[in-house]
């Protein structure tokens, strides 16, 4: 059992519009928790549950892929989405969180760290389109609910 003082906690930095080149960038750290840089407008638009969904998703992205690999190569986004959904207390908040992140998000590689965000793309490849991701997430959730019934 770990001491609570040793558990790494995420740190969220809300950036004003003048500093926010991307809506959401997450960088892991080995010792002091991950660092999440979020545009102020996006942070304020998210509900508490959507903020939690973003942090859980980012944690799963760090667990699944090394920082450099996510920047350069395509992430296994469905695996990250699935793992995050399984950990969330309220998984229905993943889709609106992603949709809000997609509003006014760069659609190209104009910002060098887009592979460290929620939507991609990595340097050499695109991530799945948001509509495809949300359709897959909805199907995953409906299948999980039908299995419980």
N, C-alpha and C. Protein backbone atom coordinates (compact mmCIF):
# COMPACT_ATOMS: atom_id res chain seq x y z
N UNK A 1 0.85 -1.18 0.00
CA UNK A 1 0.00 0.00 0.00
C UNK A 1 0.90 1.24 0.00
N UNK A 2 0.58 2.15 -0.88
CA UNK A 2 1.36 3.39 -0.98
C UNK A 2 0.87 4.42 0.01
N UNK A 3 1.79 5.20 0.48
CA UNK A 3 1.41 6.35 1.29
C UNK A 3 0.74 7.37 0.39
N UNK A 4 -0.26 8.05 0.89
CA UNK A 4 -0.97 9.04 0.05
C UNK A 4 -0.04 10.15 -0.40
N UNK A 5 1.04 10.39 0.34
CA UNK A 5 1.99 11.43 -0.06
C UNK A 5 2.79 11.02 -1.29
N UNK A 6 2.87 9.71 -1.57
CA UNK A 6 3.67 9.24 -2.70
C UNK A 6 2.87 9.09 -3.98
N UNK A 7 1.55 9.17 -3.90
CA UNK A 7 0.72 9.00 -5.08
C UNK A 7 0.83 10.24 -5.97
N UNK A 8 1.16 10.00 -7.23
CA UNK A 8 1.30 11.12 -8.18
C UNK A 8 -0.08 11.69 -8.50
N UNK A 9 -0.21 12.98 -8.43
CA UNK A 9 -1.47 13.65 -8.73
C UNK A 9 -1.32 14.51 -9.98
N UNK A 10 -2.36 14.54 -10.79
CA UNK A 10 -2.28 15.39 -11.98
C UNK A 10 -2.33 16.86 -11.60
N UNK A 11 -1.64 17.66 -12.38
CA UNK A 11 -1.66 19.11 -12.18
C UNK A 11 -2.28 19.73 -13.43
N UNK A 12 -3.25 20.59 -13.22
CA UNK A 12 -3.95 21.24 -14.33
C UNK A 12 -3.58 22.71 -14.34
N UNK A 13 -3.14 23.17 -15.50
CA UNK A 13 -2.81 24.58 -15.69
C UNK A 13 -3.80 25.14 -16.70
N UNK A 14 -4.62 26.07 -16.27
CA UNK A 14 -5.60 26.70 -17.15
C UNK A 14 -4.94 27.93 -17.75
N UNK A 15 -4.86 27.94 -19.08
CA UNK A 15 -4.13 28.98 -19.78
C UNK A 15 -5.06 30.03 -20.39
N UNK A 16 -4.70 31.30 -20.24
CA UNK A 16 -5.49 32.36 -20.88
C UNK A 16 -5.35 32.28 -22.40
N UNK A 17 -6.26 32.89 -23.13
CA UNK A 17 -6.23 32.80 -24.60
C UNK A 17 -4.89 33.20 -25.22
N UNK A 18 -4.19 34.13 -24.62
CA UNK A 18 -2.92 34.57 -25.20
C UNK A 18 -1.84 33.49 -25.13
N UNK A 19 -1.98 32.53 -24.24
CA UNK A 19 -0.98 31.46 -24.09
C UNK A 19 -1.45 30.10 -24.60
N UNK A 20 -2.72 29.97 -24.89
CA UNK A 20 -3.27 28.66 -25.27
C UNK A 20 -3.14 28.45 -26.77
N UNK A 21 -2.06 27.77 -27.19
CA UNK A 21 -1.87 27.45 -28.61
C UNK A 21 -2.67 26.21 -29.01
N UNK A 22 -3.03 25.42 -28.06
CA UNK A 22 -3.88 24.24 -28.28
C UNK A 22 -4.90 24.20 -27.16
N UNK A 23 -5.98 23.48 -27.38
CA UNK A 23 -7.03 23.42 -26.37
C UNK A 23 -6.62 22.58 -25.16
N UNK A 24 -5.89 21.48 -25.41
CA UNK A 24 -5.55 20.55 -24.33
C UNK A 24 -4.26 19.82 -24.70
N UNK A 25 -3.28 19.89 -23.83
CA UNK A 25 -2.03 19.16 -24.01
C UNK A 25 -1.71 18.50 -22.68
N UNK A 26 -1.36 17.23 -22.73
CA UNK A 26 -1.07 16.48 -21.51
C UNK A 26 0.32 15.87 -21.60
N UNK A 27 1.12 16.11 -20.58
CA UNK A 27 2.50 15.62 -20.56
C UNK A 27 2.69 14.80 -19.28
N UNK A 28 3.13 13.53 -19.42
CA UNK A 28 3.32 12.71 -18.23
C UNK A 28 4.61 13.07 -17.49
N UNK A 29 4.63 12.72 -16.22
CA UNK A 29 5.83 12.88 -15.42
C UNK A 29 5.98 11.63 -14.57
N UNK A 30 7.18 11.17 -14.41
CA UNK A 30 7.40 9.93 -13.66
C UNK A 30 7.16 10.08 -12.17
N UNK A 31 7.42 11.24 -11.62
CA UNK A 31 7.44 11.35 -10.18
C UNK A 31 6.37 12.25 -9.58
N UNK A 32 5.95 13.27 -10.28
CA UNK A 32 5.05 14.25 -9.65
C UNK A 32 3.69 14.35 -10.33
N UNK A 33 3.27 13.34 -11.03
CA UNK A 33 1.97 13.37 -11.69
C UNK A 33 2.06 14.03 -13.05
N UNK A 34 1.01 13.89 -13.81
CA UNK A 34 1.02 14.46 -15.15
C UNK A 34 0.65 15.94 -15.10
N UNK A 35 1.02 16.63 -16.16
CA UNK A 35 0.73 18.05 -16.29
C UNK A 35 -0.23 18.22 -17.47
N UNK A 36 -1.32 18.91 -17.23
CA UNK A 36 -2.34 19.13 -18.26
C UNK A 36 -2.47 20.63 -18.47
N UNK A 37 -2.29 21.05 -19.69
CA UNK A 37 -2.41 22.47 -20.05
C UNK A 37 -3.70 22.60 -20.85
N UNK A 38 -4.63 23.38 -20.32
CA UNK A 38 -5.97 23.48 -20.90
C UNK A 38 -6.30 24.94 -21.16
N UNK A 39 -6.85 25.20 -22.33
CA UNK A 39 -7.31 26.55 -22.64
C UNK A 39 -8.45 26.93 -21.69
N UNK A 40 -8.40 28.15 -21.22
CA UNK A 40 -9.38 28.64 -20.25
C UNK A 40 -10.82 28.46 -20.77
N UNK A 41 -11.03 28.77 -22.04
CA UNK A 41 -12.38 28.66 -22.60
C UNK A 41 -12.88 27.21 -22.57
N UNK A 42 -11.99 26.26 -22.86
CA UNK A 42 -12.39 24.85 -22.83
C UNK A 42 -12.64 24.40 -21.40
N UNK A 43 -11.75 24.74 -20.49
CA UNK A 43 -11.90 24.33 -19.09
C UNK A 43 -13.23 24.83 -18.52
N UNK A 44 -13.58 26.08 -18.82
CA UNK A 44 -14.81 26.64 -18.30
C UNK A 44 -16.05 26.06 -18.97
N UNK A 45 -15.92 25.56 -20.19
CA UNK A 45 -17.07 24.98 -20.88
C UNK A 45 -17.37 23.56 -20.39
N UNK A 46 -16.38 22.87 -19.85
CA UNK A 46 -16.57 21.51 -19.35
C UNK A 46 -17.27 21.51 -17.99
N UNK A 47 -18.13 20.52 -17.80
CA UNK A 47 -18.69 20.27 -16.48
C UNK A 47 -17.62 19.57 -15.64
N UNK A 48 -17.88 19.41 -14.36
CA UNK A 48 -16.94 18.71 -13.49
C UNK A 48 -16.72 17.27 -13.99
N UNK A 49 -17.79 16.63 -14.43
CA UNK A 49 -17.69 15.26 -14.93
C UNK A 49 -16.87 15.20 -16.22
N UNK A 50 -17.01 16.20 -17.08
CA UNK A 50 -16.23 16.23 -18.32
C UNK A 50 -14.76 16.50 -18.03
N UNK A 51 -14.47 17.32 -17.04
CA UNK A 51 -13.08 17.55 -16.63
C UNK A 51 -12.47 16.24 -16.14
N UNK A 52 -13.23 15.52 -15.33
CA UNK A 52 -12.76 14.22 -14.84
C UNK A 52 -12.52 13.26 -16.00
N UNK A 53 -13.43 13.27 -16.98
CA UNK A 53 -13.28 12.41 -18.15
C UNK A 53 -11.99 12.74 -18.91
N UNK A 54 -11.68 14.02 -19.06
CA UNK A 54 -10.46 14.42 -19.76
C UNK A 54 -9.22 13.95 -19.02
N UNK A 55 -9.21 14.07 -17.70
CA UNK A 55 -8.04 13.64 -16.93
C UNK A 55 -7.88 12.13 -16.94
N UNK A 56 -8.99 11.40 -16.88
CA UNK A 56 -8.92 9.93 -16.95
C UNK A 56 -8.44 9.51 -18.33
N UNK A 57 -8.96 10.15 -19.37
CA UNK A 57 -8.53 9.81 -20.73
C UNK A 57 -7.03 10.07 -20.89
N UNK A 58 -6.57 11.21 -20.42
CA UNK A 58 -5.14 11.54 -20.53
C UNK A 58 -4.29 10.54 -19.76
N UNK A 59 -4.75 10.13 -18.58
CA UNK A 59 -4.01 9.14 -17.80
C UNK A 59 -3.89 7.83 -18.57
N UNK A 60 -4.98 7.42 -19.20
CA UNK A 60 -4.94 6.18 -19.98
C UNK A 60 -4.05 6.32 -21.22
N UNK A 61 -4.03 7.51 -21.82
CA UNK A 61 -3.14 7.74 -22.96
C UNK A 61 -1.68 7.60 -22.52
N UNK A 62 -1.35 8.12 -21.34
CA UNK A 62 0.02 8.01 -20.84
C UNK A 62 0.36 6.56 -20.54
N UNK A 63 -0.59 5.81 -20.00
CA UNK A 63 -0.35 4.41 -19.65
C UNK A 63 -0.18 3.56 -20.91
N UNK A 64 -0.85 3.94 -21.98
CA UNK A 64 -0.86 3.14 -23.21
C UNK A 64 0.34 3.44 -24.12
N UNK A 65 0.74 4.70 -24.20
CA UNK A 65 1.76 5.11 -25.17
C UNK A 65 2.75 6.08 -24.56
N UNK A 66 3.98 5.91 -24.91
CA UNK A 66 5.03 6.85 -24.48
C UNK A 66 4.79 8.19 -25.16
N UNK A 67 5.18 9.24 -24.49
CA UNK A 67 5.01 10.61 -24.97
C UNK A 67 5.50 10.78 -26.41
N UNK A 68 6.71 10.35 -26.70
CA UNK A 68 7.29 10.53 -28.04
C UNK A 68 6.52 9.74 -29.08
N UNK A 69 6.08 8.53 -28.74
CA UNK A 69 5.32 7.72 -29.69
C UNK A 69 4.00 8.39 -30.05
N UNK A 70 3.32 9.01 -29.06
CA UNK A 70 2.06 9.69 -29.36
C UNK A 70 2.27 10.90 -30.24
N UNK A 71 3.40 11.57 -30.07
CA UNK A 71 3.68 12.73 -30.92
C UNK A 71 3.89 12.32 -32.37
N UNK A 72 4.59 11.22 -32.58
CA UNK A 72 5.03 10.86 -33.93
C UNK A 72 4.06 9.91 -34.63
N UNK A 73 3.62 8.87 -33.94
CA UNK A 73 2.81 7.82 -34.57
C UNK A 73 1.37 7.89 -34.10
N UNK A 74 0.47 7.21 -34.82
CA UNK A 74 -0.93 7.24 -34.39
C UNK A 74 -1.12 6.50 -33.08
N UNK A 75 -1.89 7.07 -32.20
CA UNK A 75 -2.19 6.42 -30.93
C UNK A 75 -3.28 5.38 -31.15
N UNK A 76 -3.33 4.39 -30.29
CA UNK A 76 -4.42 3.40 -30.30
C UNK A 76 -5.61 4.04 -29.60
N UNK A 77 -6.26 4.95 -30.31
CA UNK A 77 -7.28 5.80 -29.69
C UNK A 77 -8.45 4.97 -29.16
N UNK A 78 -8.87 3.95 -29.88
CA UNK A 78 -10.00 3.15 -29.40
C UNK A 78 -9.64 2.42 -28.11
N UNK A 79 -8.41 1.96 -28.01
CA UNK A 79 -7.98 1.30 -26.77
C UNK A 79 -7.98 2.29 -25.62
N UNK A 80 -7.48 3.49 -25.88
CA UNK A 80 -7.47 4.53 -24.83
C UNK A 80 -8.91 4.89 -24.45
N UNK A 81 -9.77 5.09 -25.46
CA UNK A 81 -11.17 5.41 -25.18
C UNK A 81 -11.82 4.31 -24.35
N UNK A 82 -11.62 3.04 -24.75
CA UNK A 82 -12.22 1.91 -24.03
C UNK A 82 -11.74 1.86 -22.58
N UNK A 83 -10.43 1.95 -22.38
CA UNK A 83 -9.89 1.88 -21.03
C UNK A 83 -10.40 3.03 -20.16
N UNK A 84 -10.49 4.20 -20.75
CA UNK A 84 -11.01 5.36 -20.01
C UNK A 84 -12.48 5.14 -19.64
N UNK A 85 -13.27 4.63 -20.58
CA UNK A 85 -14.68 4.38 -20.30
C UNK A 85 -14.85 3.39 -19.16
N UNK A 86 -14.00 2.38 -19.12
CA UNK A 86 -14.10 1.37 -18.06
C UNK A 86 -13.76 1.93 -16.69
N UNK A 87 -12.93 2.97 -16.64
CA UNK A 87 -12.54 3.56 -15.37
C UNK A 87 -13.47 4.67 -14.89
N UNK A 88 -14.23 5.25 -15.80
CA UNK A 88 -15.07 6.40 -15.45
C UNK A 88 -16.29 5.98 -14.66
N UNK A 89 -16.62 6.79 -13.66
CA UNK A 89 -17.85 6.55 -12.91
C UNK A 89 -19.06 6.93 -13.76
N UNK A 90 -18.90 7.93 -14.61
CA UNK A 90 -19.98 8.38 -15.47
C UNK A 90 -19.46 8.45 -16.92
N UNK A 91 -19.39 7.31 -17.60
CA UNK A 91 -18.76 7.28 -18.93
C UNK A 91 -19.50 8.06 -20.01
N UNK A 92 -20.75 8.41 -19.79
CA UNK A 92 -21.49 9.16 -20.80
C UNK A 92 -20.91 10.55 -21.02
N UNK A 93 -20.04 11.01 -20.14
CA UNK A 93 -19.48 12.35 -20.27
C UNK A 93 -18.28 12.41 -21.19
N UNK A 94 -17.80 11.27 -21.67
CA UNK A 94 -16.65 11.28 -22.58
C UNK A 94 -16.99 11.94 -23.91
N UNK A 95 -18.14 11.64 -24.46
CA UNK A 95 -18.51 12.18 -25.78
C UNK A 95 -18.67 13.70 -25.74
N UNK A 96 -19.45 14.28 -24.81
CA UNK A 96 -19.55 15.74 -24.81
C UNK A 96 -18.21 16.42 -24.51
N UNK A 97 -17.36 15.77 -23.71
CA UNK A 97 -16.05 16.33 -23.43
C UNK A 97 -15.23 16.42 -24.72
N UNK A 98 -15.25 15.35 -25.53
CA UNK A 98 -14.52 15.36 -26.79
C UNK A 98 -15.12 16.36 -27.77
N UNK A 99 -16.45 16.44 -27.82
CA UNK A 99 -17.09 17.38 -28.74
C UNK A 99 -16.75 18.82 -28.40
N UNK A 100 -16.73 19.15 -27.12
CA UNK A 100 -16.35 20.52 -26.73
C UNK A 100 -14.88 20.78 -27.04
N UNK A 101 -14.03 19.78 -26.88
CA UNK A 101 -12.62 19.95 -27.21
C UNK A 101 -12.43 20.15 -28.71
N UNK A 102 -13.33 19.57 -29.51
CA UNK A 102 -13.20 19.67 -30.97
C UNK A 102 -13.61 21.04 -31.50
N UNK A 103 -14.41 21.79 -30.74
CA UNK A 103 -14.83 23.11 -31.21
C UNK A 103 -13.61 24.02 -31.30
N UNK A 104 -13.42 24.59 -32.45
CA UNK A 104 -12.32 25.52 -32.71
C UNK A 104 -10.93 24.90 -32.51
N UNK A 105 -10.86 23.58 -32.52
CA UNK A 105 -9.56 22.92 -32.38
C UNK A 105 -8.85 22.93 -33.73
N UNK A 106 -7.51 23.00 -33.74
CA UNK A 106 -6.80 22.94 -35.02
C UNK A 106 -7.05 21.59 -35.69
N UNK A 107 -7.27 21.62 -36.99
CA UNK A 107 -7.54 20.38 -37.72
C UNK A 107 -6.31 19.88 -38.47
N UNK A 108 -5.22 20.56 -38.34
CA UNK A 108 -4.00 20.13 -39.01
C UNK A 108 -2.86 20.08 -37.99
N UNK A 109 -1.66 19.96 -38.49
CA UNK A 109 -0.49 19.85 -37.62
C UNK A 109 0.15 21.21 -37.36
N UNK A 110 -0.67 22.26 -37.30
CA UNK A 110 -0.12 23.60 -37.14
C UNK A 110 0.53 23.79 -35.77
N UNK A 111 0.09 23.06 -34.77
CA UNK A 111 0.71 23.12 -33.45
C UNK A 111 1.48 21.83 -33.24
N UNK A 112 2.73 21.90 -32.90
CA UNK A 112 3.60 20.73 -32.87
C UNK A 112 3.17 19.66 -31.88
N UNK A 113 2.41 19.98 -30.86
CA UNK A 113 2.08 19.01 -29.82
C UNK A 113 0.66 18.47 -29.93
N UNK A 114 0.03 18.51 -31.10
CA UNK A 114 -1.35 18.03 -31.20
C UNK A 114 -1.47 16.56 -30.83
N UNK A 115 -0.44 15.76 -31.02
CA UNK A 115 -0.49 14.35 -30.63
C UNK A 115 -0.56 14.13 -29.14
N UNK A 116 -0.37 15.19 -28.36
CA UNK A 116 -0.45 15.09 -26.91
C UNK A 116 -1.80 15.52 -26.37
N UNK A 117 -2.74 15.78 -27.28
CA UNK A 117 -4.06 16.23 -26.87
C UNK A 117 -5.09 15.13 -26.93
N UNK A 118 -6.35 15.53 -27.03
CA UNK A 118 -7.47 14.60 -27.03
C UNK A 118 -7.89 14.18 -28.42
N UNK A 119 -7.47 14.96 -29.44
CA UNK A 119 -8.00 14.76 -30.78
C UNK A 119 -6.94 14.42 -31.83
N UNK A 120 -5.66 14.59 -31.52
CA UNK A 120 -4.61 14.34 -32.51
C UNK A 120 -4.56 15.47 -33.51
N UNK A 121 -3.89 15.35 -34.60
CA UNK A 121 -3.18 14.19 -35.13
C UNK A 121 -1.74 14.12 -34.64
N UNK A 122 -1.11 12.97 -34.82
CA UNK A 122 0.31 12.84 -34.56
C UNK A 122 1.06 13.43 -35.76
N UNK A 123 2.37 13.52 -35.66
CA UNK A 123 3.14 14.16 -36.73
C UNK A 123 2.98 13.44 -38.06
N UNK A 124 3.00 12.13 -38.07
CA UNK A 124 3.00 11.38 -39.32
C UNK A 124 1.68 10.74 -39.67
N UNK A 125 0.68 10.92 -38.86
CA UNK A 125 -0.57 10.26 -39.18
C UNK A 125 -1.75 10.94 -38.47
N UNK A 126 -2.89 10.76 -39.07
CA UNK A 126 -4.12 11.32 -38.50
C UNK A 126 -4.69 10.34 -37.47
N UNK A 127 -5.47 10.87 -36.55
CA UNK A 127 -6.22 10.03 -35.63
C UNK A 127 -7.61 9.83 -36.23
N UNK A 128 -8.40 8.90 -35.70
CA UNK A 128 -9.77 8.73 -36.21
C UNK A 128 -10.55 10.04 -36.07
N UNK A 129 -11.46 10.24 -37.00
CA UNK A 129 -12.31 11.44 -36.95
C UNK A 129 -13.22 11.36 -35.73
N UNK A 130 -13.59 12.53 -35.22
CA UNK A 130 -14.40 12.59 -34.01
C UNK A 130 -15.73 11.85 -34.20
N UNK A 131 -16.36 11.98 -35.35
CA UNK A 131 -17.64 11.30 -35.58
C UNK A 131 -17.48 9.79 -35.49
N UNK A 132 -16.38 9.26 -36.01
CA UNK A 132 -16.12 7.82 -35.91
C UNK A 132 -15.88 7.41 -34.46
N UNK A 133 -15.14 8.24 -33.72
CA UNK A 133 -14.88 7.92 -32.32
C UNK A 133 -16.16 7.94 -31.49
N UNK A 134 -16.98 8.98 -31.68
CA UNK A 134 -18.20 9.06 -30.88
C UNK A 134 -19.16 7.92 -31.23
N UNK A 135 -19.22 7.53 -32.50
CA UNK A 135 -20.07 6.40 -32.88
C UNK A 135 -19.57 5.11 -32.23
N UNK A 136 -18.26 4.91 -32.22
CA UNK A 136 -17.69 3.72 -31.58
C UNK A 136 -17.94 3.74 -30.08
N UNK A 137 -17.76 4.89 -29.44
CA UNK A 137 -17.99 5.01 -27.99
C UNK A 137 -19.46 4.72 -27.67
N UNK A 138 -20.37 5.27 -28.45
CA UNK A 138 -21.80 5.03 -28.23
C UNK A 138 -22.15 3.55 -28.36
N UNK A 139 -21.59 2.90 -29.37
CA UNK A 139 -21.82 1.46 -29.55
C UNK A 139 -21.24 0.67 -28.40
N UNK A 140 -20.03 1.03 -27.96
CA UNK A 140 -19.40 0.34 -26.84
C UNK A 140 -20.27 0.46 -25.59
N UNK A 141 -20.77 1.66 -25.32
CA UNK A 141 -21.61 1.88 -24.15
C UNK A 141 -22.95 1.12 -24.24
N UNK A 142 -23.56 1.14 -25.42
CA UNK A 142 -24.84 0.44 -25.56
C UNK A 142 -24.63 -1.07 -25.46
N UNK A 143 -23.53 -1.60 -25.99
CA UNK A 143 -23.24 -3.03 -25.85
C UNK A 143 -23.00 -3.39 -24.39
N UNK A 144 -22.29 -2.53 -23.68
CA UNK A 144 -22.02 -2.79 -22.26
C UNK A 144 -23.31 -2.77 -21.45
N UNK A 145 -24.21 -1.84 -21.78
CA UNK A 145 -25.48 -1.77 -21.05
C UNK A 145 -26.38 -2.97 -21.39
N UNK A 146 -26.36 -3.42 -22.64
CA UNK A 146 -27.20 -4.57 -23.01
C UNK A 146 -26.65 -5.85 -22.39
N UNK A 147 -25.35 -5.93 -22.18
CA UNK A 147 -24.77 -7.10 -21.53
C UNK A 147 -25.17 -7.19 -20.05
N UNK A 148 -25.39 -6.02 -19.43
CA UNK A 148 -25.81 -6.00 -18.02
C UNK A 148 -27.25 -6.41 -17.84
N UNK A 149 -28.06 -6.17 -18.87
CA UNK A 149 -29.51 -6.46 -18.77
C UNK A 149 -29.83 -7.94 -18.86
